[in-house]
Amino acid sequence: MQLASHRVVVQIAPEDKRKIAEKARSLDIPLSELMRRGAFAYSAQSDDSELGALADAARQAANSAALAIDDVLDFVNQSNLRIAAMEANHAKTTVSVP
C-alpha cells in the first residue's frame, strides 16, 4: 500500500461523522481507511443498471397486475349479468299471492 501523501477534505454533518466514526471503530480501522474503501467500492454505473432492472421488473409486475385486474372485472361483470338474468327469470315465474 502506498503511503498517504494527499488530503481530501469532505464536508459532513456532525451526526453523519459520528455514525461513520462508530462504524470505523466497530471495524477496527481508521476512519480514513473506511472512507477510502467506501469510495473505491462505490460504483454509480452498476447502481444505475440495478435500479433500471428493478424499474423494469416493477413495470412488468404492474402490467401483469393490471391485466389480472381487467380479467377479474370482466368476470365480475359477466357474473353480474348472469345474476340479473336469473333474478329476472325468477321474477317472471314467481306468482304473488294477495
N, C-alpha and C. Protein backbone atom coordinates (compact mmCIF):
# COMPACT_ATOMS: atom_id res chain seq x y z
N MET A 1 0.84 -1.17 0.00
CA MET A 1 0.00 0.00 0.00
C MET A 1 0.89 1.23 0.00
N GLN A 2 0.55 2.22 -0.82
CA GLN A 2 1.30 3.46 -0.86
C GLN A 2 1.05 4.26 0.41
N LEU A 3 2.06 5.01 0.80
CA LEU A 3 1.89 5.91 1.93
C LEU A 3 1.00 7.06 1.51
N ALA A 4 0.10 7.45 2.38
CA ALA A 4 -0.80 8.56 2.08
C ALA A 4 0.00 9.85 1.99
N SER A 5 -0.22 10.59 0.92
CA SER A 5 0.50 11.84 0.77
C SER A 5 -0.40 13.00 0.38
N HIS A 6 -1.66 12.76 0.20
CA HIS A 6 -2.60 13.81 -0.16
C HIS A 6 -3.79 13.77 0.78
N ARG A 7 -4.37 14.91 0.99
CA ARG A 7 -5.52 15.03 1.88
C ARG A 7 -6.74 15.38 1.04
N VAL A 8 -7.87 14.77 1.35
CA VAL A 8 -9.14 15.09 0.74
C VAL A 8 -10.06 15.55 1.86
N VAL A 9 -10.58 16.76 1.73
CA VAL A 9 -11.47 17.29 2.75
C VAL A 9 -12.91 17.07 2.30
N VAL A 10 -13.69 16.49 3.18
CA VAL A 10 -15.09 16.20 2.88
C VAL A 10 -15.94 16.88 3.93
N GLN A 11 -16.89 17.69 3.49
CA GLN A 11 -17.83 18.33 4.41
C GLN A 11 -18.90 17.31 4.79
N ILE A 12 -19.19 17.25 6.08
CA ILE A 12 -20.14 16.24 6.55
C ILE A 12 -20.85 16.77 7.79
N ALA A 13 -22.08 16.37 7.95
CA ALA A 13 -22.85 16.77 9.13
C ALA A 13 -22.28 16.07 10.36
N PRO A 14 -22.32 16.73 11.52
CA PRO A 14 -21.77 16.12 12.74
C PRO A 14 -22.35 14.74 13.06
N GLU A 15 -23.66 14.58 12.88
CA GLU A 15 -24.29 13.27 13.16
C GLU A 15 -23.77 12.20 12.20
N ASP A 16 -23.59 12.55 10.92
CA ASP A 16 -23.06 11.59 9.96
C ASP A 16 -21.63 11.21 10.33
N LYS A 17 -20.82 12.20 10.74
CA LYS A 17 -19.44 11.91 11.14
C LYS A 17 -19.42 10.96 12.32
N ARG A 18 -20.31 11.20 13.29
CA ARG A 18 -20.37 10.32 14.46
C ARG A 18 -20.68 8.88 14.06
N LYS A 19 -21.66 8.72 13.17
CA LYS A 19 -22.04 7.37 12.73
C LYS A 19 -20.92 6.69 11.96
N ILE A 20 -20.25 7.45 11.10
CA ILE A 20 -19.16 6.87 10.31
C ILE A 20 -18.00 6.51 11.23
N ALA A 21 -17.69 7.36 12.20
CA ALA A 21 -16.62 7.08 13.16
C ALA A 21 -16.94 5.83 13.98
N GLU A 22 -18.20 5.69 14.39
CA GLU A 22 -18.61 4.48 15.13
C GLU A 22 -18.43 3.24 14.27
N LYS A 23 -18.78 3.34 13.00
CA LYS A 23 -18.63 2.19 12.11
C LYS A 23 -17.16 1.83 11.96
N ALA A 24 -16.31 2.84 11.80
CA ALA A 24 -14.86 2.59 11.68
C ALA A 24 -14.33 1.91 12.95
N ARG A 25 -14.76 2.40 14.12
CA ARG A 25 -14.33 1.78 15.39
C ARG A 25 -14.80 0.33 15.46
N SER A 26 -16.05 0.07 15.05
CA SER A 26 -16.57 -1.30 15.12
C SER A 26 -15.81 -2.24 14.18
N LEU A 27 -15.29 -1.68 13.08
CA LEU A 27 -14.49 -2.48 12.14
C LEU A 27 -13.01 -2.49 12.50
N ASP A 28 -12.65 -1.72 13.51
CA ASP A 28 -11.27 -1.60 13.98
C ASP A 28 -10.33 -1.11 12.87
N ILE A 29 -10.81 -0.10 12.14
CA ILE A 29 -9.97 0.53 11.12
C ILE A 29 -10.08 2.04 11.28
N PRO A 30 -9.07 2.77 10.81
CA PRO A 30 -9.17 4.23 10.88
C PRO A 30 -10.31 4.75 10.01
N LEU A 31 -10.86 5.87 10.43
CA LEU A 31 -11.96 6.48 9.69
C LEU A 31 -11.54 6.74 8.24
N SER A 32 -10.32 7.21 8.05
CA SER A 32 -9.85 7.50 6.69
C SER A 32 -9.82 6.23 5.82
N GLU A 33 -9.48 5.09 6.43
CA GLU A 33 -9.46 3.83 5.67
C GLU A 33 -10.89 3.42 5.29
N LEU A 34 -11.84 3.60 6.20
CA LEU A 34 -13.23 3.30 5.88
C LEU A 34 -13.71 4.17 4.73
N MET A 35 -13.39 5.45 4.77
CA MET A 35 -13.79 6.36 3.70
C MET A 35 -13.15 5.96 2.37
N ARG A 36 -11.86 5.60 2.41
CA ARG A 36 -11.17 5.17 1.20
C ARG A 36 -11.84 3.93 0.61
N ARG A 37 -12.08 2.94 1.46
CA ARG A 37 -12.73 1.70 0.99
C ARG A 37 -14.11 1.98 0.42
N GLY A 38 -14.85 2.85 1.11
CA GLY A 38 -16.19 3.19 0.63
C GLY A 38 -16.14 3.87 -0.73
N ALA A 39 -15.17 4.76 -0.91
CA ALA A 39 -15.05 5.48 -2.18
C ALA A 39 -14.71 4.51 -3.31
N PHE A 40 -13.80 3.58 -3.05
CA PHE A 40 -13.43 2.63 -4.10
C PHE A 40 -14.52 1.60 -4.38
N ALA A 41 -15.32 1.29 -3.38
CA ALA A 41 -16.40 0.31 -3.56
C ALA A 41 -17.59 0.90 -4.29
N TYR A 42 -17.72 2.23 -4.27
CA TYR A 42 -18.87 2.88 -4.90
C TYR A 42 -18.80 2.77 -6.41
N SER A 43 -19.92 2.41 -7.01
CA SER A 43 -19.99 2.30 -8.46
C SER A 43 -21.37 2.75 -8.91
N ALA A 44 -21.48 3.99 -9.31
CA ALA A 44 -22.77 4.54 -9.72
C ALA A 44 -23.33 3.82 -10.93
N GLN A 45 -22.47 3.41 -11.84
CA GLN A 45 -22.95 2.75 -13.06
C GLN A 45 -23.66 1.44 -12.73
N SER A 46 -23.09 0.63 -11.86
CA SER A 46 -23.76 -0.63 -11.52
C SER A 46 -25.04 -0.35 -10.75
N ASP A 47 -25.02 0.69 -9.91
CA ASP A 47 -26.24 1.05 -9.19
C ASP A 47 -27.34 1.46 -10.17
N ASP A 48 -26.96 2.22 -11.20
CA ASP A 48 -27.94 2.66 -12.19
C ASP A 48 -28.53 1.47 -12.95
N SER A 49 -27.68 0.50 -13.30
CA SER A 49 -28.20 -0.65 -14.04
C SER A 49 -29.09 -1.50 -13.15
N GLU A 50 -28.73 -1.62 -11.87
CA GLU A 50 -29.58 -2.37 -10.95
C GLU A 50 -30.91 -1.67 -10.75
N LEU A 51 -30.88 -0.35 -10.63
CA LEU A 51 -32.13 0.39 -10.50
C LEU A 51 -32.97 0.27 -11.76
N GLY A 52 -32.33 0.27 -12.92
CA GLY A 52 -33.05 0.10 -14.18
C GLY A 52 -33.72 -1.26 -14.24
N ALA A 53 -33.00 -2.29 -13.83
CA ALA A 53 -33.57 -3.65 -13.82
C ALA A 53 -34.73 -3.72 -12.84
N LEU A 54 -34.58 -3.08 -11.70
CA LEU A 54 -35.66 -3.06 -10.72
C LEU A 54 -36.88 -2.32 -11.26
N ALA A 55 -36.64 -1.21 -11.94
CA ALA A 55 -37.75 -0.45 -12.54
C ALA A 55 -38.45 -1.27 -13.61
N ASP A 56 -37.68 -1.99 -14.42
CA ASP A 56 -38.27 -2.84 -15.46
C ASP A 56 -39.12 -3.94 -14.83
N ALA A 57 -38.62 -4.55 -13.77
CA ALA A 57 -39.38 -5.61 -13.09
C ALA A 57 -40.65 -5.04 -12.48
N ALA A 58 -40.56 -3.84 -11.90
CA ALA A 58 -41.75 -3.22 -11.31
C ALA A 58 -42.78 -2.89 -12.39
N ARG A 59 -42.31 -2.41 -13.53
CA ARG A 59 -43.21 -2.09 -14.64
C ARG A 59 -43.90 -3.37 -15.13
N GLN A 60 -43.14 -4.44 -15.27
CA GLN A 60 -43.72 -5.71 -15.73
C GLN A 60 -44.74 -6.24 -14.71
N ALA A 61 -44.43 -6.13 -13.43
CA ALA A 61 -45.37 -6.57 -12.39
C ALA A 61 -46.64 -5.73 -12.42
N ALA A 62 -46.49 -4.43 -12.62
CA ALA A 62 -47.66 -3.55 -12.68
C ALA A 62 -48.52 -3.89 -13.89
N ASN A 63 -47.89 -4.16 -15.02
CA ASN A 63 -48.65 -4.53 -16.22
C ASN A 63 -49.39 -5.85 -16.01
N SER A 64 -48.71 -6.82 -15.39
CA SER A 64 -49.36 -8.11 -15.11
C SER A 64 -50.53 -7.93 -14.15
N ALA A 65 -50.35 -7.09 -13.14
CA ALA A 65 -51.43 -6.84 -12.18
C ALA A 65 -52.60 -6.16 -12.86
N ALA A 66 -52.31 -5.22 -13.75
CA ALA A 66 -53.38 -4.53 -14.46
C ALA A 66 -54.18 -5.50 -15.33
N LEU A 67 -53.49 -6.42 -16.00
CA LEU A 67 -54.19 -7.43 -16.80
C LEU A 67 -55.03 -8.34 -15.93
N ALA A 68 -54.50 -8.73 -14.78
CA ALA A 68 -55.26 -9.59 -13.87
C ALA A 68 -56.49 -8.86 -13.35
N ILE A 69 -56.34 -7.58 -13.03
CA ILE A 69 -57.48 -6.79 -12.57
C ILE A 69 -58.54 -6.69 -13.67
N ASP A 70 -58.10 -6.47 -14.90
CA ASP A 70 -59.05 -6.41 -16.02
C ASP A 70 -59.80 -7.73 -16.16
N ASP A 71 -59.10 -8.86 -16.01
CA ASP A 71 -59.74 -10.17 -16.10
C ASP A 71 -60.79 -10.34 -14.99
N VAL A 72 -60.45 -9.92 -13.78
CA VAL A 72 -61.38 -10.04 -12.66
C VAL A 72 -62.60 -9.16 -12.88
N LEU A 73 -62.38 -7.94 -13.35
CA LEU A 73 -63.51 -7.04 -13.61
C LEU A 73 -64.43 -7.60 -14.69
N ASP A 74 -63.85 -8.18 -15.74
CA ASP A 74 -64.67 -8.82 -16.78
C ASP A 74 -65.48 -9.97 -16.19
N PHE A 75 -64.84 -10.79 -15.36
CA PHE A 75 -65.53 -11.91 -14.74
C PHE A 75 -66.68 -11.41 -13.86
N VAL A 76 -66.43 -10.37 -13.07
CA VAL A 76 -67.46 -9.82 -12.19
C VAL A 76 -68.62 -9.27 -13.02
N ASN A 77 -68.30 -8.55 -14.09
CA ASN A 77 -69.36 -8.01 -14.95
C ASN A 77 -70.21 -9.13 -15.55
N GLN A 78 -69.57 -10.18 -16.04
CA GLN A 78 -70.32 -11.31 -16.61
C GLN A 78 -71.16 -11.99 -15.53
N SER A 79 -70.59 -12.11 -14.35
CA SER A 79 -71.32 -12.71 -13.23
C SER A 79 -72.54 -11.86 -12.87
N ASN A 80 -72.37 -10.56 -12.85
CA ASN A 80 -73.50 -9.67 -12.56
C ASN A 80 -74.59 -9.80 -13.61
N LEU A 81 -74.20 -9.94 -14.87
CA LEU A 81 -75.20 -10.13 -15.94
C LEU A 81 -75.95 -11.45 -15.74
N ARG A 82 -75.23 -12.52 -15.37
CA ARG A 82 -75.89 -13.81 -15.13
C ARG A 82 -76.85 -13.72 -13.95
N ILE A 83 -76.42 -13.05 -12.89
CA ILE A 83 -77.28 -12.90 -11.71
C ILE A 83 -78.53 -12.10 -12.05
N ALA A 84 -78.35 -11.01 -12.80
CA ALA A 84 -79.51 -10.18 -13.20
C ALA A 84 -80.47 -10.99 -14.05
N ALA A 85 -79.95 -11.82 -14.95
CA ALA A 85 -80.81 -12.65 -15.80
C ALA A 85 -81.56 -13.68 -14.96
N MET A 86 -80.88 -14.28 -13.98
CA MET A 86 -81.54 -15.26 -13.12
C MET A 86 -82.62 -14.58 -12.27
N GLU A 87 -82.33 -13.38 -11.76
CA GLU A 87 -83.33 -12.67 -10.96
C GLU A 87 -84.54 -12.28 -11.81
N ALA A 88 -84.28 -11.87 -13.05
CA ALA A 88 -85.39 -11.50 -13.94
C ALA A 88 -86.23 -12.74 -14.25
N ASN A 89 -85.59 -13.84 -14.50
CA ASN A 89 -86.30 -15.09 -14.80
C ASN A 89 -87.10 -15.54 -13.57
N HIS A 90 -86.53 -15.40 -12.40
CA HIS A 90 -87.22 -15.79 -11.17
C HIS A 90 -88.44 -14.88 -10.94
N ALA A 91 -88.32 -13.60 -11.23
CA ALA A 91 -89.44 -12.67 -11.04
C ALA A 91 -90.58 -13.02 -11.97
N LYS A 92 -90.27 -13.50 -13.18
CA LYS A 92 -91.32 -13.86 -14.13
C LYS A 92 -92.07 -15.10 -13.67
N THR A 93 -91.37 -16.04 -13.05
CA THR A 93 -92.01 -17.30 -12.67
C THR A 93 -92.63 -17.26 -11.29
N THR A 94 -92.34 -16.24 -10.54
CA THR A 94 -92.90 -16.13 -9.19
C THR A 94 -94.27 -15.46 -9.26
N VAL A 95 -95.23 -16.10 -8.66
CA VAL A 95 -96.60 -15.56 -8.62
C VAL A 95 -96.82 -14.98 -7.24
N SER A 96 -97.27 -13.75 -7.24
CA SER A 96 -97.54 -13.12 -5.94
C SER A 96 -98.96 -13.49 -5.49
N VAL A 97 -99.09 -13.83 -4.24
CA VAL A 97 -100.38 -14.20 -3.67
C VAL A 97 -100.88 -13.01 -2.85
N PRO A 98 -102.16 -12.57 -3.17
CA PRO A 98 -102.70 -11.42 -2.41
C PRO A 98 -103.06 -11.75 -1.01
